[in-house]
Each structure stands twice: as structure tokens, then as C-alpha cells.
N, C-alpha and C. Protein backbone atom coordinates (compact mmCIF):
# COMPACT_ATOMS: atom_id res chain seq x y z
N MET A 1 0.87 -1.19 0.07
CA MET A 1 0.10 -0.23 0.03
C MET A 1 0.95 1.42 -0.11
N ALA A 2 0.51 2.20 -0.68
CA ALA A 2 1.32 3.46 -0.88
C ALA A 2 1.07 4.32 0.34
N THR A 3 2.36 4.96 0.83
CA THR A 3 2.20 5.73 2.04
C THR A 3 1.39 7.08 1.45
N GLN A 4 0.61 7.69 2.37
CA GLN A 4 -0.30 8.85 2.14
C GLN A 4 0.60 10.06 3.26
N LEU A 5 1.10 10.86 2.51
CA LEU A 5 1.67 12.21 3.31
C LEU A 5 0.78 13.07 3.31
N VAL A 6 0.50 13.89 4.29
CA VAL A 6 -0.34 15.06 4.29
C VAL A 6 0.22 16.32 4.39
N GLN A 7 -0.33 16.97 3.52
CA GLN A 7 -0.04 18.61 3.38
C GLN A 7 -0.96 19.40 3.14
N ASP A 8 -1.54 20.25 4.29
CA ASP A 8 -2.74 21.02 4.33
C ASP A 8 -2.55 22.07 3.14
N ASP A 9 -1.16 22.85 3.06
CA ASP A 9 -1.08 24.02 2.36
C ASP A 9 0.29 23.61 1.28
N LEU A 10 0.14 23.59 0.08
CA LEU A 10 1.40 23.46 -0.80
C LEU A 10 1.81 24.94 -1.25
N THR A 11 1.03 25.87 -1.09
CA THR A 11 1.30 27.21 -1.48
C THR A 11 0.73 28.24 -0.45
N LEU A 12 1.28 28.85 0.26
CA LEU A 12 0.96 30.16 1.09
C LEU A 12 1.37 31.48 0.77
N THR A 13 0.49 32.41 1.04
CA THR A 13 0.87 33.53 0.66
C THR A 13 1.58 34.64 1.67
N ARG A 14 2.70 35.01 1.46
CA ARG A 14 3.52 35.83 2.56
C ARG A 14 3.99 37.07 1.75
N ARG A 15 4.27 38.10 2.42
CA ARG A 15 5.09 39.45 1.93
C ARG A 15 6.40 38.93 2.11
N LYS A 16 7.28 39.86 1.18
CA LYS A 16 8.71 39.79 1.21
C LYS A 16 9.15 40.20 2.61
N GLY A 17 9.93 39.42 2.84
CA GLY A 17 10.70 39.56 4.23
C GLY A 17 10.17 38.76 5.49
N GLU A 18 8.92 38.23 5.22
CA GLU A 18 8.34 37.26 6.35
C GLU A 18 8.70 35.80 6.22
N SER A 19 8.33 35.13 7.29
CA SER A 19 8.81 33.87 7.34
C SER A 19 7.53 33.13 6.86
N VAL A 20 7.85 31.76 6.55
CA VAL A 20 6.83 30.97 5.96
C VAL A 20 7.18 29.57 6.30
N SER A 21 6.27 28.55 6.77
CA SER A 21 6.73 27.19 6.98
C SER A 21 5.41 26.20 6.30
N PHE A 22 6.07 25.27 5.72
CA PHE A 22 5.27 24.21 5.36
C PHE A 22 5.27 22.94 6.00
N SER A 23 4.25 22.32 6.16
CA SER A 23 4.21 21.00 6.93
C SER A 23 3.96 19.69 6.16
N CYS A 24 4.31 18.72 6.67
CA CYS A 24 4.17 17.51 6.05
C CYS A 24 4.10 16.64 7.06
N GLY A 25 2.70 15.81 7.26
CA GLY A 25 2.26 14.83 8.05
C GLY A 25 2.32 13.51 7.77
N GLY A 26 2.42 12.43 8.41
CA GLY A 26 2.28 11.23 8.05
C GLY A 26 3.59 10.40 7.67
N THR A 27 4.87 11.12 8.07
CA THR A 27 6.07 10.60 7.74
C THR A 27 6.46 9.28 8.57
N ASP A 28 5.65 9.18 9.53
CA ASP A 28 5.83 7.73 10.27
C ASP A 28 5.69 6.68 9.43
N GLN A 29 4.92 6.94 8.31
CA GLN A 29 4.69 5.74 7.40
C GLN A 29 5.82 5.48 6.53
N CYS A 30 6.90 6.59 6.33
CA CYS A 30 8.14 6.50 5.59
C CYS A 30 8.95 5.24 6.22
N ASP A 31 9.71 4.55 5.34
CA ASP A 31 10.67 3.57 5.78
C ASP A 31 11.76 4.20 6.58
N SER A 32 11.99 3.73 7.67
CA SER A 32 13.01 4.06 8.58
C SER A 32 14.49 3.96 7.85
N GLY A 33 15.23 4.92 8.18
CA GLY A 33 16.53 4.84 7.38
C GLY A 33 16.53 5.73 5.89
N TYR A 34 15.37 6.18 5.71
CA TYR A 34 15.25 6.90 4.41
C TYR A 34 14.66 8.42 4.96
N PRO A 35 15.27 9.35 4.14
CA PRO A 35 14.78 10.79 4.47
C PRO A 35 13.55 11.24 3.73
N VAL A 36 13.06 12.39 4.37
CA VAL A 36 11.85 13.01 3.48
C VAL A 36 12.64 14.06 2.68
N VAL A 37 12.11 14.21 1.67
CA VAL A 37 12.69 15.16 0.68
C VAL A 37 11.75 16.16 0.24
N TRP A 38 12.30 17.41 0.10
CA TRP A 38 11.34 18.54 -0.21
C TRP A 38 11.67 19.02 -1.52
N TYR A 39 10.62 19.36 -2.35
CA TYR A 39 10.69 19.61 -3.78
C TYR A 39 9.96 21.09 -3.88
N GLN A 40 10.54 21.86 -4.62
CA GLN A 40 9.84 23.06 -5.10
C GLN A 40 9.26 22.91 -6.69
N LYS A 41 8.15 23.43 -6.93
CA LYS A 41 7.60 23.49 -8.09
C LYS A 41 7.11 24.72 -8.63
N LYS A 42 7.88 25.43 -9.53
CA LYS A 42 7.36 26.80 -10.13
C LYS A 42 6.45 26.59 -11.36
N ASP A 43 5.68 27.47 -11.69
CA ASP A 43 4.75 27.18 -12.80
C ASP A 43 5.15 26.87 -13.93
N THR A 44 6.38 27.30 -14.37
CA THR A 44 7.06 26.96 -15.62
C THR A 44 8.21 25.99 -15.63
N GLU A 45 8.27 25.53 -14.62
CA GLU A 45 9.45 24.60 -14.20
C GLU A 45 9.01 23.17 -13.83
N THR A 46 9.88 22.23 -13.89
CA THR A 46 9.69 20.87 -13.25
C THR A 46 9.95 20.74 -11.80
N PHE A 47 9.73 19.73 -11.05
CA PHE A 47 9.83 19.58 -9.72
C PHE A 47 11.65 19.60 -9.57
N ARG A 48 12.03 20.44 -8.51
CA ARG A 48 13.24 20.52 -8.15
C ARG A 48 13.44 20.16 -6.63
N ALA A 49 14.29 19.36 -6.32
CA ALA A 49 14.50 18.86 -4.92
C ALA A 49 15.25 20.08 -4.24
N ILE A 50 15.13 20.42 -3.09
CA ILE A 50 15.83 21.49 -2.23
C ILE A 50 16.63 20.81 -1.11
N LEU A 51 16.14 19.96 -0.44
CA LEU A 51 16.95 19.29 0.70
C LEU A 51 16.22 18.03 0.98
N TYR A 52 17.00 17.35 1.74
CA TYR A 52 16.20 16.06 2.56
C TYR A 52 16.78 16.03 3.92
N ILE A 53 15.89 15.47 4.78
CA ILE A 53 16.21 15.25 6.18
C ILE A 53 15.83 14.03 6.82
N TYR A 54 16.58 13.53 7.72
CA TYR A 54 16.42 12.23 8.33
C TYR A 54 15.64 12.61 9.59
N ILE A 55 15.25 11.68 10.43
CA ILE A 55 14.57 12.24 11.92
C ILE A 55 15.67 12.30 12.86
N GLY A 56 15.49 13.58 13.13
CA GLY A 56 16.49 14.15 14.28
C GLY A 56 17.54 14.74 13.89
N ASP A 57 17.97 14.72 12.53
CA ASP A 57 19.20 15.18 11.94
C ASP A 57 19.12 16.91 11.56
N SER A 58 19.92 17.22 11.06
CA SER A 58 20.12 18.43 10.15
C SER A 58 19.75 18.26 8.75
N PRO A 59 19.17 19.28 8.02
CA PRO A 59 19.09 19.07 6.68
C PRO A 59 20.14 18.96 5.71
N GLU A 60 20.13 17.95 4.82
CA GLU A 60 21.27 18.01 3.79
C GLU A 60 20.80 18.50 2.50
N LYS A 61 21.80 19.19 2.08
CA LYS A 61 21.53 20.27 0.92
C LYS A 61 22.47 19.90 -0.16
N LEU A 62 22.21 18.61 -0.81
CA LEU A 62 23.03 18.06 -2.03
C LEU A 62 22.71 18.05 -3.19
N TYR A 63 21.40 18.91 -3.38
CA TYR A 63 20.99 18.96 -4.84
C TYR A 63 21.28 20.15 -5.56
N ASN A 64 22.38 20.96 -5.26
CA ASN A 64 22.58 22.34 -5.82
C ASN A 64 21.38 23.04 -6.29
N HIS A 65 20.53 23.21 -5.40
CA HIS A 65 19.38 24.14 -5.83
C HIS A 65 19.88 25.51 -5.56
N PRO A 66 19.59 26.58 -6.40
CA PRO A 66 19.99 27.73 -6.14
C PRO A 66 19.61 28.50 -4.90
N GLN A 67 18.44 28.09 -4.32
CA GLN A 67 17.80 28.76 -3.19
C GLN A 67 18.04 27.95 -1.92
N GLN A 68 18.79 26.72 -1.99
CA GLN A 68 18.96 25.87 -0.87
C GLN A 68 19.45 26.42 0.35
N ASP A 69 20.22 27.35 0.41
CA ASP A 69 20.47 28.00 1.74
C ASP A 69 19.45 28.95 2.24
N ASP A 70 18.33 29.21 1.60
CA ASP A 70 17.40 30.08 2.10
C ASP A 70 16.28 29.26 2.86
N PHE A 71 16.35 27.87 2.95
CA PHE A 71 15.38 26.98 3.46
C PHE A 71 16.03 26.25 4.50
N SER A 72 15.27 25.89 5.79
CA SER A 72 15.75 24.97 6.75
C SER A 72 14.66 23.92 7.02
N ALA A 73 14.96 22.88 7.60
CA ALA A 73 14.02 21.71 7.90
C ALA A 73 13.96 21.28 9.31
N GLU A 74 12.91 20.65 9.75
CA GLU A 74 13.18 19.63 10.88
C GLU A 74 12.24 18.56 10.55
N ARG A 75 12.63 17.64 11.16
CA ARG A 75 11.64 16.21 11.24
C ARG A 75 11.75 15.38 12.62
N ASN A 76 10.62 14.98 12.90
CA ASN A 76 10.40 14.12 13.97
C ASN A 76 9.80 12.81 13.79
N GLU A 77 9.42 11.98 14.41
CA GLU A 77 8.67 10.73 14.05
C GLU A 77 7.46 10.85 13.07
N ASN A 78 6.61 11.92 13.37
CA ASN A 78 5.42 11.78 12.88
C ASN A 78 5.37 12.91 11.65
N SER A 79 6.22 13.85 11.59
CA SER A 79 6.05 15.20 10.59
C SER A 79 7.28 15.77 10.49
N CYS A 80 7.27 16.60 9.42
CA CYS A 80 8.33 17.33 8.94
C CYS A 80 7.78 18.63 8.43
N SER A 81 8.86 19.60 8.53
CA SER A 81 8.54 20.90 7.99
C SER A 81 9.59 21.71 7.31
N LEU A 82 9.29 22.57 6.35
CA LEU A 82 10.33 23.23 5.55
C LEU A 82 9.94 24.80 5.94
N THR A 83 10.94 25.59 6.01
CA THR A 83 10.86 26.89 6.59
C THR A 83 11.81 27.98 5.67
N THR A 84 11.22 28.92 5.63
CA THR A 84 12.31 29.95 5.22
C THR A 84 11.84 31.20 5.98
N GLU A 85 13.01 31.87 6.50
CA GLU A 85 12.63 33.07 7.38
C GLU A 85 12.66 34.51 6.70
N ASN A 86 13.05 34.45 5.48
CA ASN A 86 12.98 35.61 4.86
C ASN A 86 12.60 35.51 3.30
N VAL A 87 11.11 35.54 3.06
CA VAL A 87 10.46 35.13 1.72
C VAL A 87 10.98 36.38 0.85
N ARG A 88 11.41 35.73 -0.14
CA ARG A 88 11.77 36.64 -1.51
C ARG A 88 10.79 36.42 -2.42
N GLU A 89 10.71 37.10 -3.69
CA GLU A 89 9.75 36.98 -4.89
C GLU A 89 10.05 35.65 -5.43
N ASP A 90 11.43 35.35 -5.53
CA ASP A 90 11.68 34.17 -6.34
C ASP A 90 11.45 32.91 -5.66
N HIS A 91 10.79 33.15 -4.36
CA HIS A 91 10.34 31.79 -3.69
C HIS A 91 8.98 31.46 -3.86
N SER A 92 8.34 32.38 -4.89
CA SER A 92 7.20 32.09 -5.32
C SER A 92 6.92 30.73 -5.95
N ALA A 93 6.32 29.41 -5.48
CA ALA A 93 6.12 28.31 -5.96
C ALA A 93 5.34 27.58 -4.95
N SER A 94 5.19 26.13 -5.33
CA SER A 94 4.45 25.16 -4.42
C SER A 94 5.43 24.37 -3.99
N TYR A 95 5.47 23.75 -2.81
CA TYR A 95 6.31 23.06 -2.11
C TYR A 95 5.76 21.65 -1.79
N TYR A 96 6.52 20.45 -1.97
CA TYR A 96 5.95 19.45 -1.92
C TYR A 96 7.06 18.51 -0.92
N CYS A 97 6.53 17.55 -0.16
CA CYS A 97 7.26 16.51 0.50
C CYS A 97 7.21 15.04 -0.06
N GLY A 98 8.24 14.36 0.02
CA GLY A 98 8.12 13.14 -0.43
C GLY A 98 9.11 12.20 0.35
N CYS A 99 8.82 10.79 0.28
CA CYS A 99 9.69 9.78 1.28
C CYS A 99 9.62 8.52 0.64
N TRP A 100 10.50 7.56 0.99
CA TRP A 100 10.26 6.10 0.43
C TRP A 100 9.68 5.35 1.15
N LYS A 101 9.08 4.47 0.68
CA LYS A 101 8.20 3.30 1.18
C LYS A 101 8.42 2.35 0.37
N SER A 102 8.82 1.05 1.14
CA SER A 102 9.24 -0.19 0.33
C SER A 102 7.97 -0.44 -0.66
N GLY A 103 8.48 -0.66 -1.99
CA GLY A 103 7.45 -0.95 -2.92
C GLY A 103 6.73 0.04 -3.51
N SER A 104 7.21 1.44 -3.18
CA SER A 104 6.38 2.47 -3.56
C SER A 104 7.14 4.02 -3.22
N HIS A 105 7.09 4.89 -3.99
CA HIS A 105 7.63 6.17 -3.68
C HIS A 105 6.33 7.04 -3.44
N SER A 106 6.41 7.79 -2.30
CA SER A 106 5.24 8.49 -1.77
C SER A 106 5.49 9.99 -1.86
N GLU A 107 4.58 10.72 -2.47
CA GLU A 107 4.77 12.26 -2.84
C GLU A 107 3.33 12.83 -2.21
N LYS A 108 3.33 14.12 -1.87
CA LYS A 108 2.16 14.59 -1.77
C LYS A 108 2.22 16.01 -2.63
């Protein structure tokens, strides 16, 4: 059975300079030992991975995303969040979380 991650908001409206945080629930269904990956999707572009994070660790930013240093993440047993403290116009996009589940790849 596929993992069902829960994201209430894929896109949130903020003014420049404000902070914003996206949440991802249901990560307890992800296979242990695998990270949650956060993706950015702009209207005219394909999905781009920003960072990934394991439970209790700091985020890893190995995807060479041009805005990767603008974002941070936290993860516990049941959920994960992606945050930027200083919204800029070029952050305008939808944000998705994804994880690995044996026999399937789950994204929301």
C-alpha cells in the first residue's frame, strides 16, 4: 500500500521579508533509514529537490538548488517542516514533501 503524506498547504501567501513554514504529516509511514525530501515546483519549471532530512538530523542540501541556503527543515517521528525566514519574490512556488516506502515512492 502506498504511503499517504499529508500537506494542508502547498502554497502560502506571504509578503517579502516574512517567514513561512510548510508542514508534512504522516512521515511515520516512511521507511526508517530513509529521508523526507522537499521539492519546489514553479509554474513554468519541473519539480526540483531542495533538501532532504532524516529523523532528528540537520537537513542535507546536496541537490545544488540555487535557493537551498534560504531553507531549513525539521523532522520528528510523525511530521516534517520546511521553513524560510526571509521570503523573497523568487520563492514563489508550490512545495511538496516526499519519502520512500518499500514497494512505492510517496509524494504529496
